[in-house]
Amino acid sequence: MEKYVSIKKQEPYYQLLLAKALLFRQDFEFPKDTDDLNTRNIKFESIKKNYIRASKLFQKNITFLENVTPNDKNLGTWYFLWALAEWFSENREKAISLFEISVQMDSGLREAYFNISIIYLSLNKRFESDLYLKKYNKHKEVTDEYK
């Protein structure tokens, strides 16, 4: 995928697929308790750089896609994935705003509310966390009614 994208740089959809593949990569060696501090930091930084790379690809290509095809039904999902990349690269505030956009574009992405709740909890903002957890639960109840 990376080789194809490096040759065909003007194809935003394939750039987004690469960003998604980077987001869900499983070939990294994760830091272990038995690793020395330097090794743990090196492993952590390589994983974080991967998420930052994915985030940049999402940003460039989602905004392009949104301008070209504003009614694309997958935009909400792309924003959701971009938000994950931002969250995993420790850009929590940006992740929150992207999760908000994703659920506005696709109301079926109720997990965005849950993720926002978790992010606020990690920022020690209990009140905001509770608000989004309530939104998630309310949305879940509405969704469950239609099953």
Protein backbone atom coordinates (compact mmCIF):
# COMPACT_ATOMS: atom_id res chain seq x y z
CA MET A 1 0.00 0.00 0.00
CA GLU A 2 2.77 2.43 0.93
CA LYS A 3 4.60 1.82 -2.32
CA TYR A 4 1.45 2.41 -4.37
CA VAL A 5 0.62 5.57 -2.46
CA SER A 6 4.17 6.88 -2.88
CA ILE A 7 3.79 6.52 -6.65
CA LYS A 8 0.18 7.79 -6.85
CA LYS A 9 0.33 10.71 -4.41
CA GLN A 10 -2.74 12.38 -5.90
CA GLU A 11 -5.23 9.67 -4.92
CA PRO A 12 -6.80 10.78 -1.63
CA TYR A 13 -8.87 7.65 -1.12
CA TYR A 14 -5.78 5.43 -1.15
CA GLN A 15 -4.03 7.92 1.13
CA LEU A 16 -6.93 7.48 3.56
CA LEU A 17 -6.68 3.71 3.32
CA LEU A 18 -2.98 3.97 4.12
CA ALA A 19 -3.77 6.20 7.11
CA LYS A 20 -6.29 3.62 8.33
CA ALA A 21 -3.74 0.84 7.88
CA LEU A 22 -1.19 2.84 9.87
CA LEU A 23 -3.74 3.44 12.61
CA PHE A 24 -4.39 -0.29 13.02
CA ARG A 25 -0.83 -1.52 12.53
CA GLN A 26 0.06 -4.49 14.67
CA ASP A 27 3.70 -5.04 13.80
CA PHE A 28 5.15 -2.77 16.47
CA GLU A 29 6.96 -4.19 19.44
CA PHE A 30 5.23 -2.75 22.47
CA PRO A 31 7.16 -1.59 25.51
CA LYS A 32 7.48 -4.23 28.22
CA ASP A 33 7.96 -3.90 31.95
CA THR A 34 11.26 -5.73 31.58
CA ASP A 35 12.62 -3.19 29.05
CA ASP A 36 15.00 -0.54 30.30
CA LEU A 37 13.72 3.03 30.26
CA ASN A 38 15.54 4.00 27.05
CA THR A 39 14.20 0.97 25.14
CA ARG A 40 10.68 1.66 26.37
CA ASN A 41 10.92 5.29 25.22
CA ILE A 42 12.23 4.29 21.79
CA LYS A 43 9.39 1.81 21.30
CA PHE A 44 6.80 4.31 22.51
CA GLU A 45 8.14 7.06 20.25
CA SER A 46 8.05 4.84 17.15
CA ILE A 47 4.42 3.98 17.84
CA LYS A 48 3.55 7.63 18.47
CA LYS A 49 5.29 8.72 15.23
CA ASN A 50 3.18 6.20 13.37
CA TYR A 51 -0.03 7.70 14.80
CA ILE A 52 1.17 11.21 13.97
CA ARG A 53 1.85 10.13 10.40
CA ALA A 54 -1.64 8.63 10.15
CA SER A 55 -3.12 11.82 11.56
CA LYS A 56 -1.38 13.98 8.96
CA LEU A 57 -2.63 11.73 6.16
CA PHE A 58 -6.17 11.86 7.52
CA GLN A 59 -6.08 15.63 7.87
CA LYS A 60 -4.80 16.31 4.37
CA ASN A 61 -7.08 13.88 2.60
CA ILE A 62 -10.29 14.19 4.60
CA THR A 63 -10.38 17.93 4.12
CA PHE A 64 -9.77 17.42 0.40
CA LEU A 65 -12.46 14.73 0.19
CA GLU A 66 -14.90 16.91 2.10
CA ASN A 67 -14.40 19.76 -0.39
CA VAL A 68 -14.76 17.49 -3.41
CA THR A 69 -17.58 15.23 -2.18
CA PRO A 70 -19.26 16.94 0.80
CA ASN A 71 -22.13 14.42 0.82
CA ASP A 72 -19.90 11.35 1.06
CA LYS A 73 -21.60 9.04 3.56
CA ASN A 74 -18.22 7.81 4.84
CA LEU A 75 -16.95 11.20 6.00
CA GLY A 76 -18.16 10.62 9.57
CA THR A 77 -16.22 7.38 9.76
CA TRP A 78 -13.09 9.02 8.34
CA TYR A 79 -13.38 11.79 10.96
CA PHE A 80 -13.80 9.14 13.65
CA LEU A 81 -10.61 7.39 12.53
CA TRP A 82 -8.78 10.71 12.35
CA ALA A 83 -9.92 11.43 15.92
CA LEU A 84 -8.48 8.08 17.04
CA ALA A 85 -5.15 8.95 15.44
CA GLU A 86 -5.12 12.32 17.23
CA TRP A 87 -6.06 10.72 20.54
CA PHE A 88 -3.37 8.07 20.23
CA SER A 89 -0.79 10.74 19.40
CA GLU A 90 -1.85 12.57 22.56
CA ASN A 91 -3.69 15.46 20.88
CA ARG A 92 -6.69 15.06 23.14
CA GLU A 93 -8.40 18.40 22.52
CA LYS A 94 -8.23 17.94 18.76
CA ALA A 95 -9.49 14.37 19.14
CA ILE A 96 -12.51 15.64 21.07
CA SER A 97 -13.45 18.12 18.34
CA LEU A 98 -12.98 15.49 15.62
CA PHE A 99 -15.12 12.97 17.51
CA GLU A 100 -17.80 15.67 17.75
CA ILE A 101 -17.67 16.23 13.99
CA SER A 102 -17.81 12.50 13.31
CA VAL A 103 -20.99 11.98 15.31
CA GLN A 104 -22.59 15.08 13.73
CA MET A 105 -21.92 13.60 10.31
CA ASP A 106 -22.99 10.08 11.25
CA SER A 107 -25.27 9.73 14.26
CA GLY A 108 -24.56 5.99 14.30
CA LEU A 109 -21.06 6.66 15.63
CA ARG A 110 -22.18 6.77 19.24
CA GLU A 111 -18.78 5.40 20.32
CA ALA A 112 -17.51 8.94 19.69
CA TYR A 113 -19.40 10.08 22.79
CA PHE A 114 -17.89 7.27 24.84
CA ASN A 115 -14.39 8.13 23.61
CA ILE A 116 -14.89 11.80 24.43
CA SER A 117 -16.00 10.78 27.91
CA ILE A 118 -12.82 8.73 28.39
CA ILE A 119 -10.62 11.58 27.13
CA TYR A 120 -12.23 14.05 29.53
CA LEU A 121 -11.77 11.56 32.34
CA SER A 122 -8.05 11.32 31.49
CA LEU A 123 -7.91 15.13 31.68
CA ASN A 124 -9.52 15.03 35.15
CA LYS A 125 -12.65 16.75 33.85
CA ARG A 126 -15.21 14.58 35.57
CA PHE A 127 -18.23 16.80 34.87
CA GLU A 128 -17.59 16.85 31.10
CA SER A 129 -16.85 13.14 31.16
CA ASP A 130 -20.19 12.42 32.82
CA LEU A 131 -22.04 14.59 30.28
CA TYR A 132 -20.65 12.61 27.35
CA LEU A 133 -21.21 9.30 29.07
CA LYS A 134 -24.87 10.31 29.47
CA LYS A 135 -25.01 11.24 25.78
CA TYR A 136 -23.53 7.86 24.91
CA ASN A 137 -26.04 5.99 27.09
CA LYS A 138 -28.98 8.05 25.80
CA HIS A 139 -27.92 7.44 22.21
CA LYS A 140 -27.44 3.76 22.99
CA GLU A 141 -30.97 3.49 24.38
CA VAL A 142 -32.45 5.14 21.29
CA THR A 143 -30.43 2.85 19.02
CA ASP A 144 -31.42 -0.24 21.02
CA GLU A 145 -35.11 0.64 20.65
CA TYR A 146 -34.86 0.24 16.88
CA LYS A 147 -33.26 -3.20 17.01
